[in-house]
């Protein structure tokens, strides 16, 4: 017995045949878009009410996380050498999560003003000023000693502390 093969195709949309039908379809599209907007606004109203009702819990949990994080960071800073193998690694696995230290890239900090630009040019440090009279931070970071001699401050060695709890995904 031969196997029957069924072909499935997506149903074709109705194509308007006249200018008036096109105008009607545009009107229907507009109505549908406005109805979608109304639904979205209704959803936003519900979410807003839920958020407002949960705000005290949200604030309490946020404060708990902040307090616990400060304590974890204090302990980790005090025990950094032992948990990072003397600084050889930048992170530590602590069974229920991981902590790590990340070095931020150097950044130039200044209160840029016209007087500063003129001073840099007058003292022969014009290389640190772009032609549109703004600090060339790339040039400053490339020559930090020279920039500091010119009176610019370069922030280095700033670390961010990150806590990443491990989470299990439930199989669906």
N, C-alpha and C. Protein backbone atom coordinates (compact mmCIF):
# COMPACT_ATOMS: atom_id res chain seq x y z
N UNK A 1 0.84 -1.18 0.00
CA UNK A 1 0.00 0.00 0.00
C UNK A 1 0.88 1.24 0.00
N UNK A 2 0.58 2.17 -0.85
CA UNK A 2 1.38 3.38 -1.00
C UNK A 2 1.10 4.34 0.14
N UNK A 3 2.17 5.00 0.57
CA UNK A 3 2.04 5.97 1.66
C UNK A 3 1.52 7.29 1.08
N UNK A 4 0.53 7.87 1.77
CA UNK A 4 -0.05 9.12 1.32
C UNK A 4 0.78 10.27 1.91
N UNK A 5 1.24 11.15 1.07
CA UNK A 5 2.03 12.30 1.52
C UNK A 5 1.10 13.51 1.55
N UNK A 6 1.07 14.16 2.75
CA UNK A 6 0.24 15.36 2.87
C UNK A 6 1.14 16.58 2.82
N UNK A 7 0.80 17.51 2.01
CA UNK A 7 1.54 18.75 1.92
C UNK A 7 0.81 19.81 2.73
N UNK A 8 1.58 20.48 3.59
CA UNK A 8 0.98 21.54 4.39
C UNK A 8 1.58 22.86 3.96
N UNK A 9 0.72 23.83 3.81
CA UNK A 9 1.18 25.16 3.45
C UNK A 9 0.47 26.18 4.32
N UNK A 10 1.15 27.27 4.59
CA UNK A 10 0.54 28.34 5.36
C UNK A 10 -0.56 28.97 4.53
N UNK A 11 -1.70 29.22 5.17
CA UNK A 11 -2.81 29.83 4.46
C UNK A 11 -2.43 31.22 3.98
N UNK A 12 -2.82 31.54 2.79
CA UNK A 12 -2.51 32.82 2.19
C UNK A 12 -3.40 33.90 2.80
N UNK A 13 -2.83 35.05 3.09
CA UNK A 13 -3.61 36.18 3.60
C UNK A 13 -4.52 36.71 2.49
N UNK A 14 -5.60 37.31 2.92
CA UNK A 14 -6.48 37.93 1.96
C UNK A 14 -5.82 39.20 1.44
N UNK A 15 -5.76 39.35 0.16
CA UNK A 15 -5.17 40.52 -0.47
C UNK A 15 -6.30 41.43 -0.94
N UNK A 16 -6.30 42.67 -0.45
CA UNK A 16 -7.37 43.57 -0.90
C UNK A 16 -7.28 43.79 -2.41
N UNK A 17 -8.44 43.99 -3.00
CA UNK A 17 -8.51 44.09 -4.45
C UNK A 17 -8.75 45.51 -4.95
N UNK A 18 -9.17 46.40 -4.05
CA UNK A 18 -9.46 47.77 -4.47
C UNK A 18 -8.83 48.76 -3.50
N UNK A 19 -8.81 50.01 -3.93
CA UNK A 19 -8.27 51.07 -3.07
C UNK A 19 -9.08 51.16 -1.78
N UNK A 20 -10.42 51.02 -1.86
CA UNK A 20 -11.27 51.09 -0.67
C UNK A 20 -10.98 49.94 0.29
N UNK A 21 -10.74 48.74 -0.25
CA UNK A 21 -10.41 47.61 0.60
C UNK A 21 -9.07 47.83 1.30
N UNK A 22 -8.10 48.44 0.60
CA UNK A 22 -6.80 48.76 1.21
C UNK A 22 -7.02 49.73 2.36
N UNK A 23 -7.84 50.76 2.14
CA UNK A 23 -8.12 51.75 3.19
C UNK A 23 -8.79 51.06 4.39
N UNK A 24 -9.71 50.12 4.11
CA UNK A 24 -10.36 49.37 5.20
C UNK A 24 -9.35 48.54 5.99
N UNK A 25 -8.42 47.91 5.28
CA UNK A 25 -7.40 47.09 5.95
C UNK A 25 -6.50 47.97 6.83
N UNK A 26 -6.15 49.13 6.30
CA UNK A 26 -5.33 50.05 7.09
C UNK A 26 -6.07 50.45 8.36
N UNK A 27 -7.37 50.70 8.23
CA UNK A 27 -8.19 51.04 9.39
C UNK A 27 -8.19 49.88 10.39
N UNK A 28 -8.32 48.64 9.91
CA UNK A 28 -8.31 47.46 10.78
C UNK A 28 -6.94 47.30 11.48
N UNK A 29 -5.88 47.58 10.72
CA UNK A 29 -4.54 47.52 11.32
C UNK A 29 -4.42 48.54 12.45
N UNK A 30 -4.89 49.75 12.20
CA UNK A 30 -4.86 50.80 13.22
C UNK A 30 -5.64 50.40 14.46
N UNK A 31 -6.83 49.83 14.24
CA UNK A 31 -7.65 49.37 15.37
C UNK A 31 -6.92 48.29 16.16
N UNK A 32 -6.32 47.35 15.46
CA UNK A 32 -5.60 46.26 16.14
C UNK A 32 -4.39 46.81 16.91
N UNK A 33 -3.67 47.77 16.33
CA UNK A 33 -2.53 48.36 17.03
C UNK A 33 -2.97 49.09 18.29
N UNK A 34 -4.07 49.83 18.19
CA UNK A 34 -4.57 50.55 19.38
C UNK A 34 -5.05 49.58 20.45
N UNK A 35 -5.65 48.48 20.04
CA UNK A 35 -6.09 47.46 21.01
C UNK A 35 -4.88 46.83 21.69
N UNK A 36 -3.81 46.55 20.90
CA UNK A 36 -2.58 46.04 21.50
C UNK A 36 -2.02 47.02 22.52
N UNK A 37 -2.04 48.30 22.19
CA UNK A 37 -1.55 49.33 23.11
C UNK A 37 -2.38 49.34 24.39
N UNK A 38 -3.71 49.22 24.25
CA UNK A 38 -4.56 49.18 25.43
C UNK A 38 -4.23 47.98 26.32
N UNK A 39 -4.00 46.83 25.69
CA UNK A 39 -3.63 45.63 26.44
C UNK A 39 -2.29 45.86 27.16
N UNK A 40 -1.32 46.44 26.44
CA UNK A 40 -0.02 46.71 27.07
C UNK A 40 -0.17 47.65 28.25
N UNK A 41 -1.02 48.69 28.10
CA UNK A 41 -1.23 49.63 29.20
C UNK A 41 -1.92 48.95 30.38
N UNK A 42 -2.88 48.07 30.09
CA UNK A 42 -3.53 47.31 31.17
C UNK A 42 -2.51 46.44 31.91
N UNK A 43 -1.64 45.80 31.14
CA UNK A 43 -0.59 44.98 31.75
C UNK A 43 0.32 45.85 32.60
N UNK A 44 0.71 47.03 32.08
CA UNK A 44 1.55 47.94 32.83
C UNK A 44 0.88 48.37 34.14
N UNK A 45 -0.44 48.60 34.10
CA UNK A 45 -1.16 48.97 35.32
C UNK A 45 -1.09 47.85 36.36
N UNK A 46 -1.28 46.61 35.91
CA UNK A 46 -1.23 45.47 36.82
C UNK A 46 0.18 45.30 37.39
N UNK A 47 1.19 45.40 36.53
CA UNK A 47 2.58 45.26 36.98
C UNK A 47 2.91 46.37 37.97
N UNK A 48 2.47 47.58 37.70
CA UNK A 48 2.73 48.70 38.60
C UNK A 48 2.13 48.45 39.97
N UNK A 49 0.91 47.96 40.01
CA UNK A 49 0.26 47.66 41.29
C UNK A 49 1.00 46.54 42.03
N UNK A 50 1.42 45.51 41.29
CA UNK A 50 2.18 44.42 41.91
C UNK A 50 3.51 44.93 42.47
N UNK A 51 4.18 45.75 41.69
CA UNK A 51 5.46 46.31 42.12
C UNK A 51 5.29 47.15 43.38
N UNK A 52 4.26 47.99 43.38
CA UNK A 52 3.99 48.84 44.53
C UNK A 52 3.69 48.00 45.77
N UNK A 53 2.90 46.94 45.60
CA UNK A 53 2.56 46.07 46.73
C UNK A 53 3.78 45.34 47.27
N UNK A 54 4.73 45.04 46.39
CA UNK A 54 5.92 44.29 46.80
C UNK A 54 7.10 45.19 47.17
N UNK A 55 6.94 46.51 47.05
CA UNK A 55 8.05 47.44 47.29
C UNK A 55 8.71 47.26 48.65
N UNK A 56 7.95 47.11 49.75
CA UNK A 56 8.62 46.92 51.04
C UNK A 56 9.51 45.66 51.07
N UNK A 57 9.03 44.58 50.46
CA UNK A 57 9.83 43.35 50.40
C UNK A 57 11.06 43.55 49.52
N UNK A 58 10.87 44.25 48.40
CA UNK A 58 11.99 44.51 47.49
C UNK A 58 13.07 45.30 48.21
N UNK A 59 12.67 46.35 48.92
CA UNK A 59 13.64 47.18 49.64
C UNK A 59 14.34 46.38 50.74
N UNK A 60 13.56 45.58 51.49
CA UNK A 60 14.15 44.78 52.56
C UNK A 60 15.16 43.78 52.00
N UNK A 61 14.81 43.11 50.91
CA UNK A 61 15.73 42.15 50.31
C UNK A 61 16.95 42.84 49.73
N UNK A 62 16.78 44.00 49.11
CA UNK A 62 17.91 44.75 48.58
C UNK A 62 18.86 45.16 49.70
N UNK A 63 18.29 45.61 50.84
CA UNK A 63 19.13 45.98 51.98
C UNK A 63 19.85 44.76 52.55
N UNK A 64 19.16 43.62 52.61
CA UNK A 64 19.79 42.39 53.10
C UNK A 64 20.96 42.00 52.21
N UNK A 65 20.74 42.05 50.89
CA UNK A 65 21.81 41.70 49.94
C UNK A 65 22.99 42.65 50.11
N UNK A 66 22.72 43.95 50.26
CA UNK A 66 23.80 44.92 50.44
C UNK A 66 24.58 44.65 51.72
N UNK A 67 23.87 44.40 52.82
CA UNK A 67 24.54 44.13 54.10
C UNK A 67 25.36 42.85 54.04
N UNK A 68 24.77 41.78 53.51
CA UNK A 68 25.49 40.51 53.40
C UNK A 68 26.70 40.65 52.48
N UNK A 69 26.54 41.41 51.39
CA UNK A 69 27.64 41.60 50.44
C UNK A 69 28.80 42.34 51.10
N UNK A 70 28.49 43.35 51.91
CA UNK A 70 29.55 44.07 52.62
C UNK A 70 30.31 43.14 53.55
N UNK A 71 29.57 42.28 54.26
CA UNK A 71 30.22 41.33 55.16
C UNK A 71 31.08 40.34 54.40
N UNK A 72 30.57 39.81 53.30
CA UNK A 72 31.33 38.86 52.48
C UNK A 72 32.58 39.54 51.95
N UNK A 73 32.45 40.78 51.46
CA UNK A 73 33.61 41.48 50.92
C UNK A 73 34.63 41.74 52.01
N UNK A 74 34.19 42.13 53.21
CA UNK A 74 35.12 42.38 54.31
C UNK A 74 35.91 41.12 54.64
N UNK A 75 35.21 39.98 54.75
CA UNK A 75 35.91 38.72 55.05
C UNK A 75 36.86 38.35 53.91
N UNK A 76 36.41 38.48 52.68
CA UNK A 76 37.24 38.11 51.53
C UNK A 76 38.47 39.01 51.43
N UNK A 77 38.30 40.31 51.70
CA UNK A 77 39.46 41.21 51.67
C UNK A 77 40.46 40.80 52.75
N UNK A 78 39.96 40.45 53.95
CA UNK A 78 40.85 40.06 55.04
C UNK A 78 41.55 38.74 54.76
N UNK A 79 40.92 37.87 53.99
CA UNK A 79 41.47 36.55 53.70
C UNK A 79 41.87 36.39 52.23
N UNK A 80 42.12 37.49 51.56
CA UNK A 80 42.37 37.47 50.13
C UNK A 80 43.55 36.59 49.75
N UNK A 81 44.64 36.71 50.47
CA UNK A 81 45.82 35.90 50.14
C UNK A 81 45.53 34.41 50.21
N UNK A 82 44.80 33.99 51.24
CA UNK A 82 44.56 32.55 51.38
C UNK A 82 43.55 32.01 50.37
N UNK A 83 42.58 32.82 49.97
CA UNK A 83 41.56 32.31 49.04
C UNK A 83 41.94 32.51 47.57
N UNK A 84 43.00 33.32 47.32
CA UNK A 84 43.43 33.53 45.94
C UNK A 84 44.82 32.98 45.70
N UNK A 85 45.25 32.07 46.54
CA UNK A 85 46.57 31.45 46.41
C UNK A 85 47.66 32.51 46.33
N UNK A 86 47.60 33.43 47.30
CA UNK A 86 48.61 34.48 47.36
C UNK A 86 48.49 35.51 46.25
N UNK A 87 47.32 35.67 45.68
CA UNK A 87 47.10 36.64 44.62
C UNK A 87 47.37 36.10 43.23
N UNK A 88 47.64 34.80 43.12
CA UNK A 88 47.91 34.21 41.80
C UNK A 88 46.65 34.12 40.95
N UNK A 89 45.50 33.98 41.60
CA UNK A 89 44.23 33.93 40.88
C UNK A 89 43.38 35.12 41.33
N UNK A 90 42.48 35.53 40.49
CA UNK A 90 41.65 36.71 40.79
C UNK A 90 40.27 36.34 41.32
N UNK A 91 39.98 35.04 41.43
CA UNK A 91 38.67 34.64 41.91
C UNK A 91 38.82 33.47 42.87
N UNK A 92 37.77 33.24 43.65
CA UNK A 92 37.78 32.14 44.61
C UNK A 92 36.41 31.48 44.61
N UNK A 93 36.40 30.15 44.49
CA UNK A 93 35.17 29.37 44.55
C UNK A 93 34.93 29.04 46.02
N UNK A 94 33.81 29.49 46.56
CA UNK A 94 33.49 29.29 47.97
C UNK A 94 32.29 28.37 48.14
N UNK A 95 32.22 27.30 47.41
CA UNK A 95 31.20 26.26 47.45
C UNK A 95 29.84 26.73 46.96
N UNK A 96 29.29 27.79 47.56
CA UNK A 96 27.96 28.25 47.15
C UNK A 96 28.02 29.39 46.16
N UNK A 97 29.22 29.82 45.84
CA UNK A 97 29.35 30.92 44.91
C UNK A 97 30.80 31.28 44.72
N UNK A 98 31.01 32.29 43.94
CA UNK A 98 32.35 32.71 43.57
C UNK A 98 32.50 34.20 43.85
N UNK A 99 33.68 34.59 44.30
CA UNK A 99 34.00 36.00 44.45
C UNK A 99 35.20 36.28 43.55
N UNK A 100 35.27 37.49 43.02
CA UNK A 100 36.42 37.84 42.21
C UNK A 100 36.70 39.32 42.28
N UNK A 101 37.92 39.66 41.96
CA UNK A 101 38.36 41.04 41.90
C UNK A 101 38.73 41.33 40.46
N UNK A 102 38.28 42.46 39.95
CA UNK A 102 38.57 42.83 38.57
C UNK A 102 39.18 44.22 38.56
N UNK A 103 40.32 44.35 37.91
CA UNK A 103 41.03 45.62 37.81
C UNK A 103 40.37 46.48 36.74
N UNK A 104 39.97 47.68 37.10
CA UNK A 104 39.43 48.60 36.10
C UNK A 104 40.57 49.18 35.28
N UNK A 105 40.31 49.51 34.02
CA UNK A 105 41.37 50.14 33.22
C UNK A 105 41.63 51.56 33.76
N UNK A 106 42.86 52.07 33.54
CA UNK A 106 43.16 53.43 34.00
C UNK A 106 42.21 54.44 33.36
N UNK A 107 41.90 55.48 34.12
CA UNK A 107 41.04 56.53 33.59
C UNK A 107 41.62 57.88 33.99
N UNK A 108 41.37 58.89 33.18
CA UNK A 108 41.88 60.24 33.44
C UNK A 108 40.80 61.01 34.17
N UNK A 109 41.20 61.63 35.29
CA UNK A 109 40.26 62.44 36.06
C UNK A 109 40.78 63.86 36.09
N UNK A 110 39.96 64.79 35.64
CA UNK A 110 40.36 66.19 35.65
C UNK A 110 39.12 67.06 35.57
N UNK A 111 39.27 68.26 35.98
CA UNK A 111 38.22 69.25 35.78
C UNK A 111 38.68 70.11 34.61
N UNK A 112 38.40 69.64 33.42
CA UNK A 112 38.89 70.30 32.21
C UNK A 112 38.34 71.72 32.11
N UNK A 113 39.23 72.66 31.84
CA UNK A 113 38.81 74.05 31.67
C UNK A 113 39.73 74.68 30.64
N UNK A 114 39.33 75.85 30.16
CA UNK A 114 40.14 76.56 29.17
C UNK A 114 41.51 76.90 29.76
N UNK A 115 41.54 77.24 31.04
CA UNK A 115 42.81 77.59 31.69
C UNK A 115 43.75 76.38 31.71
N UNK A 116 43.22 75.19 31.95
CA UNK A 116 44.04 73.98 31.96
C UNK A 116 44.63 73.73 30.57
N UNK A 117 43.82 73.90 29.54
CA UNK A 117 44.30 73.67 28.18
C UNK A 117 45.43 74.66 27.84
N UNK A 118 45.24 75.91 28.21
CA UNK A 118 46.26 76.92 27.94
C UNK A 118 47.55 76.61 28.70
N UNK A 119 47.40 76.17 29.95
CA UNK A 119 48.58 75.84 30.77
C UNK A 119 49.35 74.69 30.14
N UNK A 120 48.63 73.64 29.71
CA UNK A 120 49.31 72.50 29.11
C UNK A 120 50.05 72.91 27.85
N UNK A 121 49.45 73.75 27.03
CA UNK A 121 50.10 74.20 25.80
C UNK A 121 51.32 75.06 26.12
N UNK A 122 51.18 75.97 27.09
CA UNK A 122 52.26 76.88 27.47
C UNK A 122 53.46 76.12 28.03
N UNK A 123 53.20 75.05 28.77
CA UNK A 123 54.27 74.28 29.39
C UNK A 123 54.86 73.22 28.46
N UNK A 124 54.37 73.16 27.22
CA UNK A 124 54.92 72.21 26.27
C UNK A 124 54.27 70.84 26.31
N UNK A 125 53.10 70.76 26.91
CA UNK A 125 52.38 69.49 26.97
C UNK A 125 51.15 69.51 26.05
N UNK A 126 51.27 70.20 24.94
CA UNK A 126 50.17 70.30 23.97
C UNK A 126 49.78 68.97 23.37
N UNK A 127 50.66 67.97 23.46
CA UNK A 127 50.36 66.64 22.94
C UNK A 127 49.17 66.02 23.67
N UNK A 128 48.90 66.50 24.89
CA UNK A 128 47.78 65.96 25.66
C UNK A 128 46.47 66.69 25.37
N UNK A 129 46.49 67.63 24.45
CA UNK A 129 45.29 68.39 24.13
C UNK A 129 44.94 68.12 22.67
N UNK A 130 43.72 67.69 22.43
CA UNK A 130 43.25 67.49 21.06
C UNK A 130 42.97 68.84 20.43
N UNK A 131 42.91 68.84 19.12
CA UNK A 131 42.78 70.11 18.39
C UNK A 131 41.49 70.84 18.71
N UNK A 132 40.49 70.16 19.17
CA UNK A 132 39.26 70.86 19.51
C UNK A 132 39.25 71.22 21.00
N UNK A 133 40.42 71.34 21.56
CA UNK A 133 40.62 71.76 22.94
C UNK A 133 39.88 70.88 23.95
N UNK A 134 40.18 69.61 23.86
CA UNK A 134 39.74 68.69 24.89
C UNK A 134 40.93 67.79 25.20
N UNK A 135 40.95 67.25 26.40
CA UNK A 135 42.07 66.40 26.78
C UNK A 135 42.10 65.15 25.91
N UNK A 136 43.28 64.77 25.47
CA UNK A 136 43.46 63.53 24.72
C UNK A 136 43.80 62.46 25.75
N UNK A 137 42.77 61.83 26.26
CA UNK A 137 42.95 60.86 27.34
C UNK A 137 43.79 59.67 26.90
N UNK A 138 43.70 59.30 25.62
CA UNK A 138 44.53 58.19 25.13
C UNK A 138 46.01 58.53 25.24
N UNK A 139 46.38 59.77 24.87
CA UNK A 139 47.77 60.21 24.95
C UNK A 139 48.21 60.29 26.40
N UNK A 140 47.33 60.76 27.26
CA UNK A 140 47.65 60.86 28.68
C UNK A 140 47.90 59.47 29.27
N UNK A 141 47.02 58.52 28.94
CA UNK A 141 47.18 57.16 29.47
C UNK A 141 48.42 56.47 28.88
N UNK A 142 48.82 56.88 27.67
CA UNK A 142 50.02 56.30 27.06
C UNK A 142 51.29 56.81 27.74
N UNK A 143 51.24 58.01 28.32
CA UNK A 143 52.41 58.61 28.99
C UNK A 143 51.99 59.14 30.36
N UNK A 144 51.67 58.23 31.29
CA UNK A 144 51.13 58.68 32.58
C UNK A 144 52.11 59.52 33.40
N UNK A 145 53.41 59.20 33.35
CA UNK A 145 54.37 59.96 34.15
C UNK A 145 54.44 61.41 33.67
N UNK A 146 54.48 61.59 32.37
CA UNK A 146 54.54 62.93 31.80
C UNK A 146 53.26 63.70 32.11
N UNK A 147 52.14 63.02 32.03
CA UNK A 147 50.85 63.66 32.31
C UNK A 147 50.77 64.10 33.76
N UNK A 148 51.24 63.25 34.68
CA UNK A 148 51.21 63.61 36.09
C UNK A 148 52.15 64.78 36.37
N UNK A 149 53.28 64.84 35.66
CA UNK A 149 54.19 65.96 35.81
C UNK A 149 53.53 67.27 35.37
N UNK A 150 52.58 67.17 34.45
CA UNK A 150 51.85 68.35 33.98
C UNK A 150 50.71 68.73 34.91
N UNK A 151 50.50 67.94 35.97
CA UNK A 151 49.45 68.25 36.93
C UNK A 151 48.15 67.51 36.71
N UNK A 152 48.15 66.52 35.83
CA UNK A 152 46.95 65.72 35.60
C UNK A 152 46.95 64.54 36.56
N UNK A 153 45.79 64.13 36.97
CA UNK A 153 45.65 63.00 37.89
C UNK A 153 45.13 61.80 37.12
N UNK A 154 45.77 60.65 37.31
CA UNK A 154 45.35 59.42 36.65
C UNK A 154 44.97 58.42 37.72
N UNK A 155 43.73 57.95 37.66
CA UNK A 155 43.24 56.97 38.64
C UNK A 155 43.59 55.58 38.14
N UNK A 156 44.31 54.81 38.97
CA UNK A 156 44.67 53.44 38.62
C UNK A 156 44.43 52.55 39.83
N UNK A 157 44.39 51.26 39.59
CA UNK A 157 44.29 50.30 40.66
C UNK A 157 42.92 50.19 41.30
N UNK A 158 41.88 50.69 40.66
CA UNK A 158 40.54 50.59 41.22
C UNK A 158 39.97 49.22 40.86
N UNK A 159 39.51 48.49 41.86
CA UNK A 159 38.96 47.16 41.65
C UNK A 159 37.47 47.15 41.95
N UNK A 160 36.75 46.31 41.26
CA UNK A 160 35.36 46.04 41.56
C UNK A 160 35.29 44.65 42.20
N UNK A 161 34.48 44.51 43.21
CA UNK A 161 34.29 43.23 43.89
C UNK A 161 32.95 42.67 43.43
N UNK A 162 32.93 41.39 42.99
CA UNK A 162 31.73 40.79 42.41
C UNK A 162 31.41 39.50 43.14
N UNK A 163 30.15 39.31 43.50
CA UNK A 163 29.68 38.06 44.11
C UNK A 163 28.72 37.43 43.13
N UNK A 164 28.95 36.14 42.78
CA UNK A 164 28.09 35.44 41.82
C UNK A 164 27.58 34.15 42.46
N UNK A 165 26.37 34.14 42.99
CA UNK A 165 25.83 32.90 43.56
C UNK A 165 25.61 31.86 42.46
N UNK A 166 25.84 30.61 42.76
CA UNK A 166 25.55 29.55 41.81
C UNK A 166 24.07 29.26 41.86
N UNK A 167 23.48 28.98 40.72
CA UNK A 167 22.06 28.69 40.64
C UNK A 167 21.84 27.44 39.83
N UNK A 168 20.91 26.63 40.25
CA UNK A 168 20.58 25.41 39.54
C UNK A 168 19.38 25.68 38.64
N UNK A 169 19.44 25.20 37.44
CA UNK A 169 18.32 25.31 36.50
C UNK A 169 17.53 24.02 36.58
N UNK A 170 16.24 24.14 36.75
CA UNK A 170 15.39 22.96 36.80
C UNK A 170 15.13 22.46 35.39
N UNK A 171 15.19 21.16 35.22
CA UNK A 171 14.92 20.58 33.91
C UNK A 171 13.43 20.69 33.63
N UNK A 172 13.09 21.04 32.42
CA UNK A 172 11.68 21.21 32.06
C UNK A 172 11.04 19.88 31.78
